Full PDB file with SEQRES, HELIX, SHEET, SSBOND, CRYST1, ORIGX, SCALE, CONECT and MASTER records, all heavy atoms in Angstrom:
SEQRES   1 A   43  VAL MET LEU LEU SER HIS SER VAL THR PRO ASP ILE ASP          
SEQRES   2 A   43  SER VAL PRO GLN LEU LYS LYS TYR ALA GLU GLU GLN GLY          
SEQRES   3 A   43  VAL LEU ASP HIS LYS TRP ASN LEU VAL THR GLY ASP LYS          
SEQRES   4 A   43  LYS GLN ILE TYR                                              
HELIX    1 AA1 VAL A   15  GLN A   25  1                                  11    
HELIX    2 AA2 LYS A   39  ILE A   42  1                                   4    
SHEET    1 AA1 2 LEU A   3  HIS A   6  0                                        
SHEET    2 AA1 2 TRP A  32  VAL A  35  1                                        
CRYST1    1.000    1.000    1.000  90.00  90.00  90.00 P 1           1          
ORIGX1      1.000000  0.000000  0.000000        0.00000                         
ORIGX2      0.000000  1.000000  0.000000        0.00000                         
ORIGX3      0.000000  0.000000  1.000000        0.00000                         
SCALE1      1.000000  0.000000  0.000000        0.00000                         
SCALE2      0.000000  1.000000  0.000000        0.00000                         
SCALE3      0.000000  0.000000  1.000000        0.00000                         
ATOM      1  N   VAL A   1     126.522 144.085  66.560  1.00  0.00           N  
ATOM      2  CA  VAL A   1     126.232 142.733  66.073  1.00  0.00           C  
ATOM      3  C   VAL A   1     126.816 141.654  67.004  1.00  0.00           C  
ATOM      4  O   VAL A   1     127.890 141.711  67.492  1.00  0.00           O  
ATOM      5  CB  VAL A   1     126.799 142.538  64.655  1.00  0.00           C  
ATOM      6  CG1 VAL A   1     126.357 141.167  64.148  1.00  0.00           C  
ATOM      7  CG2 VAL A   1     126.370 143.625  63.718  1.00  0.00           C  
ATOM      8  N   MET A   2     125.963 140.642  67.228  1.00  0.00           N  
ATOM      9  CA  MET A   2     126.381 139.441  68.054  1.00  0.00           C  
ATOM     10  C   MET A   2     125.995 138.145  67.374  1.00  0.00           C  
ATOM     11  O   MET A   2     125.330 138.103  66.336  1.00  0.00           O  
ATOM     12  CB  MET A   2     125.819 139.523  69.468  1.00  0.00           C  
ATOM     13  CG  MET A   2     126.306 140.695  70.283  1.00  0.00           C  
ATOM     14  SD  MET A   2     125.572 140.756  71.975  1.00  0.00           S  
ATOM     15  CE  MET A   2     126.220 139.217  72.668  1.00  0.00           C  
ATOM     16  N   LEU A   3     126.392 137.012  67.988  1.00  0.00           N  
ATOM     17  CA  LEU A   3     126.099 135.701  67.494  1.00  0.00           C  
ATOM     18  C   LEU A   3     125.474 134.840  68.590  1.00  0.00           C  
ATOM     19  O   LEU A   3     125.724 135.046  69.767  1.00  0.00           O  
ATOM     20  CB  LEU A   3     127.374 135.011  66.984  1.00  0.00           C  
ATOM     21  CG  LEU A   3     128.263 135.795  65.971  1.00  0.00           C  
ATOM     22  CD1 LEU A   3     129.551 135.040  65.691  1.00  0.00           C  
ATOM     23  CD2 LEU A   3     127.464 136.076  64.705  1.00  0.00           C  
ATOM     24  N   LEU A   4     124.692 133.853  68.232  1.00  0.00           N  
ATOM     25  CA  LEU A   4     123.970 133.005  69.198  1.00  0.00           C  
ATOM     26  C   LEU A   4     123.830 131.605  68.560  1.00  0.00           C  
ATOM     27  O   LEU A   4     123.100 131.455  67.577  1.00  0.00           O  
ATOM     28  CB  LEU A   4     122.651 133.571  69.517  1.00  0.00           C  
ATOM     29  CG  LEU A   4     121.783 132.769  70.516  1.00  0.00           C  
ATOM     30  CD1 LEU A   4     122.457 132.621  71.833  1.00  0.00           C  
ATOM     31  CD2 LEU A   4     120.393 133.462  70.715  1.00  0.00           C  
ATOM     32  N   SER A   5     124.472 130.617  69.236  1.00  0.00           N  
ATOM     33  CA  SER A   5     124.385 129.194  68.747  1.00  0.00           C  
ATOM     34  C   SER A   5     123.740 128.313  69.786  1.00  0.00           C  
ATOM     35  O   SER A   5     124.249 128.338  70.937  1.00  0.00           O  
ATOM     36  CB  SER A   5     125.772 128.683  68.417  1.00  0.00           C  
ATOM     37  OG  SER A   5     126.378 129.349  67.271  1.00  0.00           O  
ATOM     38  N   HIS A   6     122.679 127.624  69.418  1.00  0.00           N  
ATOM     39  CA  HIS A   6     121.934 126.818  70.315  1.00  0.00           C  
ATOM     40  C   HIS A   6     122.267 125.311  70.183  1.00  0.00           C  
ATOM     41  O   HIS A   6     122.270 124.821  69.017  1.00  0.00           O  
ATOM     42  CB  HIS A   6     120.444 126.941  70.101  1.00  0.00           C  
ATOM     43  CG  HIS A   6     119.878 128.295  70.010  1.00  0.00           C  
ATOM     44  ND1 HIS A   6     120.142 129.123  68.971  1.00  0.00           N  
ATOM     45  CD2 HIS A   6     119.145 128.998  70.900  1.00  0.00           C  
ATOM     46  CE1 HIS A   6     119.495 130.317  69.156  1.00  0.00           C  
ATOM     47  NE2 HIS A   6     118.888 130.296  70.290  1.00  0.00           N  
ATOM     48  N   SER A   7     122.623 124.654  71.295  1.00  0.00           N  
ATOM     49  CA  SER A   7     122.918 123.225  71.188  1.00  0.00           C  
ATOM     50  C   SER A   7     121.583 122.470  71.093  1.00  0.00           C  
ATOM     51  O   SER A   7     120.667 122.698  71.761  1.00  0.00           O  
ATOM     52  CB  SER A   7     123.662 122.709  72.439  1.00  0.00           C  
ATOM     53  OG  SER A   7     123.713 121.297  72.418  1.00  0.00           O  
ATOM     54  N   VAL A   8     121.529 121.484  70.116  1.00  0.00           N  
ATOM     55  CA  VAL A   8     120.340 120.706  69.915  1.00  0.00           C  
ATOM     56  C   VAL A   8     120.519 119.338  70.693  1.00  0.00           C  
ATOM     57  O   VAL A   8     119.584 118.524  70.714  1.00  0.00           O  
ATOM     58  CB  VAL A   8     120.002 120.405  68.468  1.00  0.00           C  
ATOM     59  CG1 VAL A   8     119.756 121.733  67.755  1.00  0.00           C  
ATOM     60  CG2 VAL A   8     121.148 119.652  67.745  1.00  0.00           C  
ATOM     61  N   THR A   9     121.663 119.179  71.329  1.00  0.00           N  
ATOM     62  CA  THR A   9     121.841 118.010  72.240  1.00  0.00           C  
ATOM     63  C   THR A   9     122.252 118.572  73.606  1.00  0.00           C  
ATOM     64  O   THR A   9     123.409 118.289  74.097  1.00  0.00           O  
ATOM     65  CB  THR A   9     122.907 117.047  71.693  1.00  0.00           C  
ATOM     66  OG1 THR A   9     124.137 117.752  71.516  1.00  0.00           O  
ATOM     67  CG2 THR A   9     122.437 116.420  70.399  1.00  0.00           C  
ATOM     68  N   PRO A  10     121.424 119.271  74.267  1.00  0.00           N  
ATOM     69  CA  PRO A  10     121.748 119.868  75.549  1.00  0.00           C  
ATOM     70  C   PRO A  10     122.148 118.959  76.691  1.00  0.00           C  
ATOM     71  O   PRO A  10     122.924 119.330  77.579  1.00  0.00           O  
ATOM     72  CB  PRO A  10     120.555 120.711  75.894  1.00  0.00           C  
ATOM     73  CG  PRO A  10     119.430 120.080  75.168  1.00  0.00           C  
ATOM     74  CD  PRO A  10     119.987 119.612  73.912  1.00  0.00           C  
ATOM     75  N   ASP A  11     121.656 117.676  76.556  1.00  0.00           N  
ATOM     76  CA  ASP A  11     122.042 116.686  77.559  1.00  0.00           C  
ATOM     77  C   ASP A  11     123.559 116.347  77.477  1.00  0.00           C  
ATOM     78  O   ASP A  11     124.185 116.070  78.436  1.00  0.00           O  
ATOM     79  CB  ASP A  11     121.221 115.439  77.463  1.00  0.00           C  
ATOM     80  CG  ASP A  11     119.768 115.689  77.815  1.00  0.00           C  
ATOM     81  OD1 ASP A  11     119.507 116.673  78.502  1.00  0.00           O  
ATOM     82  OD2 ASP A  11     118.902 114.866  77.358  1.00  0.00           O  
ATOM     83  N   ILE A  12     124.016 116.391  76.229  1.00  0.00           N  
ATOM     84  CA  ILE A  12     125.436 116.068  76.038  1.00  0.00           C  
ATOM     85  C   ILE A  12     126.283 117.405  76.112  1.00  0.00           C  
ATOM     86  O   ILE A  12     127.410 117.369  76.733  1.00  0.00           O  
ATOM     87  CB  ILE A  12     125.644 115.501  74.605  1.00  0.00           C  
ATOM     88  CG1 ILE A  12     124.945 114.158  74.493  1.00  0.00           C  
ATOM     89  CG2 ILE A  12     127.136 115.375  74.212  1.00  0.00           C  
ATOM     90  CD1 ILE A  12     124.897 113.592  73.089  1.00  0.00           C  
ATOM     91  N   ASP A  13     125.752 118.462  75.645  1.00  0.00           N  
ATOM     92  CA  ASP A  13     126.539 119.704  75.578  1.00  0.00           C  
ATOM     93  C   ASP A  13     126.321 120.484  76.950  1.00  0.00           C  
ATOM     94  O   ASP A  13     125.595 121.497  77.018  1.00  0.00           O  
ATOM     95  CB  ASP A  13     126.128 120.536  74.389  1.00  0.00           C  
ATOM     96  CG  ASP A  13     126.644 120.017  73.128  1.00  0.00           C  
ATOM     97  OD1 ASP A  13     127.666 119.304  73.173  1.00  0.00           O  
ATOM     98  OD2 ASP A  13     125.974 120.264  72.062  1.00  0.00           O  
ATOM     99  N   SER A  14     127.044 119.999  77.909  1.00  0.00           N  
ATOM    100  CA  SER A  14     127.075 120.602  79.239  1.00  0.00           C  
ATOM    101  C   SER A  14     127.872 121.897  79.156  1.00  0.00           C  
ATOM    102  O   SER A  14     128.572 122.216  78.149  1.00  0.00           O  
ATOM    103  CB  SER A  14     127.736 119.684  80.240  1.00  0.00           C  
ATOM    104  OG  SER A  14     129.038 119.407  79.880  1.00  0.00           O  
ATOM    105  N   VAL A  15     127.894 122.681  80.199  1.00  0.00           N  
ATOM    106  CA  VAL A  15     128.668 123.928  80.240  1.00  0.00           C  
ATOM    107  C   VAL A  15     130.177 123.576  79.974  1.00  0.00           C  
ATOM    108  O   VAL A  15     130.778 124.305  79.149  1.00  0.00           O  
ATOM    109  CB  VAL A  15     128.471 124.719  81.524  1.00  0.00           C  
ATOM    110  CG1 VAL A  15     129.488 125.843  81.670  1.00  0.00           C  
ATOM    111  CG2 VAL A  15     127.042 125.246  81.589  1.00  0.00           C  
ATOM    112  N   PRO A  16     130.792 122.598  80.687  1.00  0.00           N  
ATOM    113  CA  PRO A  16     132.181 122.312  80.411  1.00  0.00           C  
ATOM    114  C   PRO A  16     132.444 121.885  78.987  1.00  0.00           C  
ATOM    115  O   PRO A  16     133.506 122.261  78.368  1.00  0.00           O  
ATOM    116  CB  PRO A  16     132.467 121.155  81.418  1.00  0.00           C  
ATOM    117  CG  PRO A  16     131.542 121.352  82.480  1.00  0.00           C  
ATOM    118  CD  PRO A  16     130.287 121.911  81.858  1.00  0.00           C  
ATOM    119  N   GLN A  17     131.518 121.134  78.390  1.00  0.00           N  
ATOM    120  CA  GLN A  17     131.706 120.721  77.030  1.00  0.00           C  
ATOM    121  C   GLN A  17     131.606 121.891  76.065  1.00  0.00           C  
ATOM    122  O   GLN A  17     132.406 121.991  75.112  1.00  0.00           O  
ATOM    123  CB  GLN A  17     130.557 119.699  76.647  1.00  0.00           C  
ATOM    124  CG  GLN A  17     130.555 119.212  75.236  1.00  0.00           C  
ATOM    125  CD  GLN A  17     131.702 118.318  74.839  1.00  0.00           C  
ATOM    126  OE1 GLN A  17     132.510 117.970  75.735  1.00  0.00           O  
ATOM    127  NE2 GLN A  17     131.752 117.892  73.589  1.00  0.00           N  
ATOM    128  N   LEU A  18     130.701 122.801  76.327  1.00  0.00           N  
ATOM    129  CA  LEU A  18     130.576 124.023  75.465  1.00  0.00           C  
ATOM    130  C   LEU A  18     131.818 124.856  75.649  1.00  0.00           C  
ATOM    131  O   LEU A  18     132.259 125.465  74.662  1.00  0.00           O  
ATOM    132  CB  LEU A  18     129.314 124.815  75.815  1.00  0.00           C  
ATOM    133  CG  LEU A  18     127.994 124.267  75.389  1.00  0.00           C  
ATOM    134  CD1 LEU A  18     126.870 125.189  75.774  1.00  0.00           C  
ATOM    135  CD2 LEU A  18     127.913 123.996  73.897  1.00  0.00           C  
ATOM    136  N   LYS A  19     132.287 124.986  76.818  1.00  0.00           N  
ATOM    137  CA  LYS A  19     133.517 125.785  77.084  1.00  0.00           C  
ATOM    138  C   LYS A  19     134.714 125.254  76.384  1.00  0.00           C  
ATOM    139  O   LYS A  19     135.475 126.007  75.716  1.00  0.00           O  
ATOM    140  CB  LYS A  19     133.820 125.868  78.632  1.00  0.00           C  
ATOM    141  CG  LYS A  19     134.949 126.857  78.981  1.00  0.00           C  
ATOM    142  CD  LYS A  19     134.637 128.277  78.598  1.00  0.00           C  
ATOM    143  CE  LYS A  19     135.724 129.195  79.062  1.00  0.00           C  
ATOM    144  NZ  LYS A  19     135.455 130.595  78.643  1.00  0.00           N  
ATOM    145  N   LYS A  20     134.893 123.950  76.445  1.00  0.00           N  
ATOM    146  CA  LYS A  20     136.008 123.291  75.650  1.00  0.00           C  
ATOM    147  C   LYS A  20     135.827 123.585  74.197  1.00  0.00           C  
ATOM    148  O   LYS A  20     136.831 123.921  73.502  1.00  0.00           O  
ATOM    149  CB  LYS A  20     135.948 121.779  75.979  1.00  0.00           C  
ATOM    150  CG  LYS A  20     137.012 120.981  75.234  1.00  0.00           C  
ATOM    151  CD  LYS A  20     136.948 119.517  75.698  1.00  0.00           C  
ATOM    152  CE  LYS A  20     138.015 118.654  74.958  1.00  0.00           C  
ATOM    153  NZ  LYS A  20     137.700 118.448  73.552  1.00  0.00           N  
ATOM    154  N   TYR A  21     134.634 123.350  73.634  1.00  0.00           N  
ATOM    155  CA  TYR A  21     134.369 123.645  72.205  1.00  0.00           C  
ATOM    156  C   TYR A  21     134.627 125.077  71.860  1.00  0.00           C  
ATOM    157  O   TYR A  21     135.220 125.400  70.808  1.00  0.00           O  
ATOM    158  CB  TYR A  21     132.941 123.223  71.920  1.00  0.00           C  
ATOM    159  CG  TYR A  21     132.550 123.198  70.451  1.00  0.00           C  
ATOM    160  CD1 TYR A  21     132.905 122.099  69.659  1.00  0.00           C  
ATOM    161  CD2 TYR A  21     131.865 124.208  69.864  1.00  0.00           C  
ATOM    162  CE1 TYR A  21     132.560 122.053  68.291  1.00  0.00           C  
ATOM    163  CE2 TYR A  21     131.484 124.220  68.533  1.00  0.00           C  
ATOM    164  CZ  TYR A  21     131.859 123.072  67.764  1.00  0.00           C  
ATOM    165  OH  TYR A  21     131.502 123.070  66.446  1.00  0.00           O  
ATOM    166  N   ALA A  22     134.168 125.984  72.666  1.00  0.00           N  
ATOM    167  CA  ALA A  22     134.340 127.435  72.517  1.00  0.00           C  
ATOM    168  C   ALA A  22     135.839 127.773  72.451  1.00  0.00           C  
ATOM    169  O   ALA A  22     136.239 128.567  71.524  1.00  0.00           O  
ATOM    170  CB  ALA A  22     133.647 128.246  73.603  1.00  0.00           C  
ATOM    171  N   GLU A  23     136.603 127.254  73.304  1.00  0.00           N  
ATOM    172  CA  GLU A  23     138.098 127.512  73.312  1.00  0.00           C  
ATOM    173  C   GLU A  23     138.729 126.929  72.017  1.00  0.00           C  
ATOM    174  O   GLU A  23     139.582 127.561  71.446  1.00  0.00           O  
ATOM    175  CB  GLU A  23     138.737 126.952  74.516  1.00  0.00           C  
ATOM    176  CG  GLU A  23     138.319 127.693  75.814  1.00  0.00           C  
ATOM    177  CD  GLU A  23     138.843 127.035  77.073  1.00  0.00           C  
ATOM    178  OE1 GLU A  23     139.321 125.908  77.003  1.00  0.00           O  
ATOM    179  OE2 GLU A  23     138.763 127.708  78.133  1.00  0.00           O  
ATOM    180  N   GLU A  24     138.281 125.761  71.579  1.00  0.00           N  
ATOM    181  CA  GLU A  24     138.832 125.158  70.401  1.00  0.00           C  
ATOM    182  C   GLU A  24     138.515 125.965  69.158  1.00  0.00           C  
ATOM    183  O   GLU A  24     139.282 126.038  68.213  1.00  0.00           O  
ATOM    184  CB  GLU A  24     138.314 123.706  70.252  1.00  0.00           C  
ATOM    185  CG  GLU A  24     138.827 122.787  71.324  1.00  0.00           C  
ATOM    186  CD  GLU A  24     138.129 121.404  71.313  1.00  0.00           C  
ATOM    187  OE1 GLU A  24     137.100 121.311  70.594  1.00  0.00           O  
ATOM    188  OE2 GLU A  24     138.520 120.463  71.979  1.00  0.00           O  
ATOM    189  N   GLN A  25     137.317 126.586  69.179  1.00  0.00           N  
ATOM    190  CA  GLN A  25     136.862 127.269  67.907  1.00  0.00           C  
ATOM    191  C   GLN A  25     137.180 128.794  67.982  1.00  0.00           C  
ATOM    192  O   GLN A  25     136.808 129.502  67.066  1.00  0.00           O  
ATOM    193  CB  GLN A  25     135.317 127.140  67.821  1.00  0.00           C  
ATOM    194  CG  GLN A  25     134.900 125.667  67.710  1.00  0.00           C  
ATOM    195  CD  GLN A  25     135.501 124.904  66.539  1.00  0.00           C  
ATOM    196  OE1 GLN A  25     135.721 125.461  65.519  1.00  0.00           O  
ATOM    197  NE2 GLN A  25     135.817 123.604  66.768  1.00  0.00           N  
ATOM    198  N   GLY A  26     137.832 129.279  69.016  1.00  0.00           N  
ATOM    199  CA  GLY A  26     138.196 130.659  69.079  1.00  0.00           C  
ATOM    200  C   GLY A  26     136.979 131.575  69.354  1.00  0.00           C  
ATOM    201  O   GLY A  26     137.027 132.758  68.913  1.00  0.00           O  
ATOM    202  N   VAL A  27     136.037 131.116  70.089  1.00  0.00           N  
ATOM    203  CA  VAL A  27     134.822 131.885  70.431  1.00  0.00           C  
ATOM    204  C   VAL A  27     135.207 133.098  71.314  1.00  0.00           C  
ATOM    205  O   VAL A  27     135.948 132.889  72.416  1.00  0.00           O  
ATOM    206  CB  VAL A  27     133.770 131.039  71.086  1.00  0.00           C  
ATOM    207  CG1 VAL A  27     132.652 131.883  71.605  1.00  0.00           C  
ATOM    208  CG2 VAL A  27     133.223 130.006  70.060  1.00  0.00           C  
ATOM    209  N   LEU A  28     134.791 134.288  70.956  1.00  0.00           N  
ATOM    210  CA  LEU A  28     134.936 135.488  71.856  1.00  0.00           C  
ATOM    211  C   LEU A  28     133.698 135.570  72.670  1.00  0.00           C  
ATOM    212  O   LEU A  28     132.544 135.772  72.115  1.00  0.00           O  
ATOM    213  CB  LEU A  28     135.159 136.726  70.943  1.00  0.00           C  
ATOM    214  CG  LEU A  28     136.364 136.699  70.008  1.00  0.00           C  
ATOM    215  CD1 LEU A  28     136.334 137.994  69.164  1.00  0.00           C  
ATOM    216  CD2 LEU A  28     137.679 136.582  70.818  1.00  0.00           C  
ATOM    217  N   ASP A  29     133.856 135.500  73.989  1.00  0.00           N  
ATOM    218  CA  ASP A  29     132.691 135.443  74.887  1.00  0.00           C  
ATOM    219  C   ASP A  29     131.818 136.580  74.748  1.00  0.00           C  
ATOM    220  O   ASP A  29     130.555 136.492  74.904  1.00  0.00           O  
ATOM    221  CB  ASP A  29     133.189 135.277  76.335  1.00  0.00           C  
ATOM    222  CG  ASP A  29     133.863 133.980  76.658  1.00  0.00           C  
ATOM    223  OD1 ASP A  29     133.590 132.977  75.862  1.00  0.00           O  
ATOM    224  OD2 ASP A  29     134.610 133.870  77.599  1.00  0.00           O  
ATOM    225  N   HIS A  30     132.347 137.822  74.456  1.00  0.00           N  
ATOM    226  CA  HIS A  30     131.499 139.029  74.417  1.00  0.00           C  
ATOM    227  C   HIS A  30     130.695 139.129  73.104  1.00  0.00           C  
ATOM    228  O   HIS A  30     129.847 139.972  72.962  1.00  0.00           O  
ATOM    229  CB  HIS A  30     132.283 140.280  74.636  1.00  0.00           C  
ATOM    230  CG  HIS A  30     133.275 140.584  73.589  1.00  0.00           C  
ATOM    231  ND1 HIS A  30     134.435 139.858  73.324  1.00  0.00           N  
ATOM    232  CD2 HIS A  30     133.206 141.579  72.613  1.00  0.00           C  
ATOM    233  CE1 HIS A  30     135.047 140.364  72.231  1.00  0.00           C  
ATOM    234  NE2 HIS A  30     134.341 141.426  71.849  1.00  0.00           N  
ATOM    235  N   LYS A  31     131.110 138.265  72.068  1.00  0.00           N  
ATOM    236  CA  LYS A  31     130.450 138.307  70.793  1.00  0.00           C  
ATOM    237  C   LYS A  31     129.508 137.167  70.507  1.00  0.00           C  
ATOM    238  O   LYS A  31     128.553 137.214  69.746  1.00  0.00           O  
ATOM    239  CB  LYS A  31     131.539 138.421  69.688  1.00  0.00           C  
ATOM    240  CG  LYS A  31     132.388 139.596  69.684  1.00  0.00           C  
ATOM    241  CD  LYS A  31     131.608 140.920  69.595  1.00  0.00           C  
ATOM    242  CE  LYS A  31     130.951 141.069  68.248  1.00  0.00           C  
ATOM    243  NZ  LYS A  31     130.273 142.437  68.173  1.00  0.00           N  
ATOM    244  N   TRP A  32     129.834 136.027  71.110  1.00  0.00           N  
ATOM    245  CA  TRP A  32     129.235 134.746  70.676  1.00  0.00           C  
ATOM    246  C   TRP A  32     128.911 133.880  71.836  1.00  0.00           C  
ATOM    247  O   TRP A  32     129.750 133.381  72.560  1.00  0.00           O  
ATOM    248  CB  TRP A  32     130.194 134.040  69.741  1.00  0.00           C  
ATOM    249  CG  TRP A  32     129.732 132.858  69.005  1.00  0.00           C  
ATOM    250  CD1 TRP A  32     128.503 132.236  69.062  1.00  0.00           C  
ATOM    251  CD2 TRP A  32     130.516 132.049  68.048  1.00  0.00           C  
ATOM    252  NE1 TRP A  32     128.469 131.139  68.276  1.00  0.00           N  
ATOM    253  CE2 TRP A  32     129.657 131.013  67.625  1.00  0.00           C  
ATOM    254  CE3 TRP A  32     131.808 132.130  67.574  1.00  0.00           C  
ATOM    255  CZ2 TRP A  32     130.122 130.064  66.724  1.00  0.00           C  
ATOM    256  CZ3 TRP A  32     132.257 131.226  66.679  1.00  0.00           C  
ATOM    257  CH2 TRP A  32     131.440 130.176  66.210  1.00  0.00           C  
ATOM    258  N   ASN A  33     127.579 133.685  72.039  1.00  0.00           N  
ATOM    259  CA  ASN A  33     127.134 132.737  73.075  1.00  0.00           C  
ATOM    260  C   ASN A  33     126.778 131.384  72.503  1.00  0.00           C  
ATOM    261  O   ASN A  33     126.023 131.296  71.577  1.00  0.00           O  
ATOM    262  CB  ASN A  33     125.880 133.306  73.759  1.00  0.00           C  
ATOM    263  CG  ASN A  33     126.254 134.451  74.686  1.00  0.00           C  
ATOM    264  OD1 ASN A  33     127.000 134.333  75.676  1.00  0.00           O  
ATOM    265  ND2 ASN A  33     125.675 135.651  74.433  1.00  0.00           N  
ATOM    266  N   LEU A  34     127.404 130.355  73.026  1.00  0.00           N  
ATOM    267  CA  LEU A  34     126.975 128.965  72.763  1.00  0.00           C  
ATOM    268  C   LEU A  34     126.104 128.562  73.949  1.00  0.00           C  
ATOM    269  O   LEU A  34     126.581 128.541  75.123  1.00  0.00           O  
ATOM    270  CB  LEU A  34     128.173 128.010  72.639  1.00  0.00           C  
ATOM    271  CG  LEU A  34     129.349 128.470  71.803  1.00  0.00           C  
ATOM    272  CD1 LEU A  34     130.433 127.400  71.806  1.00  0.00           C  
ATOM    273  CD2 LEU A  34     128.922 128.754  70.384  1.00  0.00           C  
ATOM    274  N   VAL A  35     124.844 128.230  73.655  1.00  0.00           N  
ATOM    275  CA  VAL A  35     123.947 128.017  74.757  1.00  0.00           C  
ATOM    276  C   VAL A  35     123.365 126.598  74.828  1.00  0.00           C  
ATOM    277  O   VAL A  35     123.129 125.962  73.814  1.00  0.00           O  
ATOM    278  CB  VAL A  35     122.750 128.981  74.768  1.00  0.00           C  
ATOM    279  CG1 VAL A  35     123.322 130.417  75.082  1.00  0.00           C  
ATOM    280  CG2 VAL A  35     122.011 128.994  73.423  1.00  0.00           C  
ATOM    281  N   THR A  36     123.114 126.125  76.065  1.00  0.00           N  
ATOM    282  CA  THR A  36     122.504 124.845  76.364  1.00  0.00           C  
ATOM    283  C   THR A  36     121.374 125.161  77.337  1.00  0.00           C  
ATOM    284  O   THR A  36     121.188 126.286  77.780  1.00  0.00           O  
ATOM    285  CB  THR A  36     123.493 123.857  76.977  1.00  0.00           C  
ATOM    286  OG1 THR A  36     122.935 122.604  77.053  1.00  0.00           O  
ATOM    287  CG2 THR A  36     124.009 124.355  78.297  1.00  0.00           C  
ATOM    288  N   GLY A  37     120.590 124.100  77.677  1.00  0.00           N  
ATOM    289  CA  GLY A  37     119.495 124.342  78.601  1.00  0.00           C  
ATOM    290  C   GLY A  37     118.342 123.300  78.363  1.00  0.00           C  
ATOM    291  O   GLY A  37     118.609 122.189  77.901  1.00  0.00           O  
ATOM    292  N   ASP A  38     117.187 123.765  78.593  1.00  0.00           N  
ATOM    293  CA  ASP A  38     116.016 122.849  78.485  1.00  0.00           C  
ATOM    294  C   ASP A  38     115.796 122.515  77.032  1.00  0.00           C  
ATOM    295  O   ASP A  38     115.583 123.413  76.183  1.00  0.00           O  
ATOM    296  CB  ASP A  38     114.752 123.584  79.066  1.00  0.00           C  
ATOM    297  CG  ASP A  38     113.525 122.721  78.905  1.00  0.00           C  
ATOM    298  OD1 ASP A  38     113.481 121.654  79.594  1.00  0.00           O  
ATOM    299  OD2 ASP A  38     112.607 123.093  78.142  1.00  0.00           O  
ATOM    300  N   LYS A  39     115.783 121.237  76.743  1.00  0.00           N  
ATOM    301  CA  LYS A  39     115.586 120.801  75.287  1.00  0.00           C  
ATOM    302  C   LYS A  39     114.313 121.206  74.695  1.00  0.00           C  
ATOM    303  O   LYS A  39     114.320 121.718  73.568  1.00  0.00           O  
ATOM    304  CB  LYS A  39     115.774 119.291  75.259  1.00  0.00           C  
ATOM    305  CG  LYS A  39     115.740 118.712  73.809  1.00  0.00           C  
ATOM    306  CD  LYS A  39     115.926 117.219  73.783  1.00  0.00           C  
ATOM    307  CE  LYS A  39     115.797 116.707  72.354  1.00  0.00           C  
ATOM    308  NZ  LYS A  39     116.034 115.201  72.275  1.00  0.00           N  
ATOM    309  N   LYS A  40     113.233 121.143  75.417  1.00  0.00           N  
ATOM    310  CA  LYS A  40     111.986 121.490  74.880  1.00  0.00           C  
ATOM    311  C   LYS A  40     111.929 122.999  74.488  1.00  0.00           C  
ATOM    312  O   LYS A  40     111.384 123.422  73.415  1.00  0.00           O  
ATOM    313  CB  LYS A  40     110.771 121.230  75.863  1.00  0.00           C  
ATOM    314  CG  LYS A  40     110.397 119.764  75.990  1.00  0.00           C  
ATOM    315  CD  LYS A  40     109.254 119.607  76.918  1.00  0.00           C  
ATOM    316  CE  LYS A  40     108.881 118.112  76.943  1.00  0.00           C  
ATOM    317  NZ  LYS A  40     108.301 117.615  75.697  1.00  0.00           N  
ATOM    318  N   GLN A  41     112.570 123.839  75.313  1.00  0.00           N  
ATOM    319  CA  GLN A  41     112.663 125.315  75.087  1.00  0.00           C  
ATOM    320  C   GLN A  41     113.441 125.551  73.820  1.00  0.00           C  
ATOM    321  O   GLN A  41     113.018 126.334  72.906  1.00  0.00           O  
ATOM    322  CB  GLN A  41     113.247 126.037  76.217  1.00  0.00           C  
ATOM    323  CG  GLN A  41     113.352 127.557  75.925  1.00  0.00           C  
ATOM    324  CD  GLN A  41     114.070 128.295  77.058  1.00  0.00           C  
ATOM    325  OE1 GLN A  41     114.241 129.512  76.989  1.00  0.00           O  
ATOM    326  NE2 GLN A  41     114.533 127.590  78.135  1.00  0.00           N  
ATOM    327  N   ILE A  42     114.568 124.917  73.663  1.00  0.00           N  
ATOM    328  CA  ILE A  42     115.422 125.094  72.509  1.00  0.00           C  
ATOM    329  C   ILE A  42     114.764 124.646  71.211  1.00  0.00           C  
ATOM    330  O   ILE A  42     114.767 125.333  70.181  1.00  0.00           O  
ATOM    331  CB  ILE A  42     116.765 124.311  72.686  1.00  0.00           C  
ATOM    332  CG1 ILE A  42     117.608 125.033  73.776  1.00  0.00           C  
ATOM    333  CG2 ILE A  42     117.561 124.365  71.330  1.00  0.00           C  
ATOM    334  CD1 ILE A  42     118.799 124.239  74.210  1.00  0.00           C  
ATOM    335  N   TYR A  43     114.081 123.483  71.239  1.00  0.00           N  
ATOM    336  CA  TYR A  43     113.468 122.978  70.103  1.00  0.00           C  
ATOM    337  C   TYR A  43     112.177 123.810  69.708  1.00  0.00           C  
ATOM    338  O   TYR A  43     111.941 123.940  68.527  1.00  0.00           O  
ATOM    339  CB  TYR A  43     113.022 121.484  70.307  1.00  0.00           C  
ATOM    340  CG  TYR A  43     114.181 120.527  70.086  1.00  0.00           C  
ATOM    341  CD1 TYR A  43     115.466 120.848  70.588  1.00  0.00           C  
ATOM    342  CD2 TYR A  43     114.017 119.405  69.347  1.00  0.00           C  
ATOM    343  CE1 TYR A  43     116.532 119.948  70.338  1.00  0.00           C  
ATOM    344  CE2 TYR A  43     115.080 118.543  69.085  1.00  0.00           C  
ATOM    345  CZ  TYR A  43     116.367 118.804  69.630  1.00  0.00           C  
ATOM    346  OH  TYR A  43     117.389 117.928  69.405  1.00  0.00           O  
TER     347      TYR A  43                                                      
MASTER        0    0    0    2    2    0    0    6  346    1    0    4          
END                                                                             
């Protein structure tokens, strides 16, 4: 089992921003991906 969270504000949620958030929330990299990217694709 794994987890996948998509940012709906990818312009704001850059990789550094996601990394900071992941560390604050105790995200385990091998279990839970917080992802950003092309807004149209995510939506």
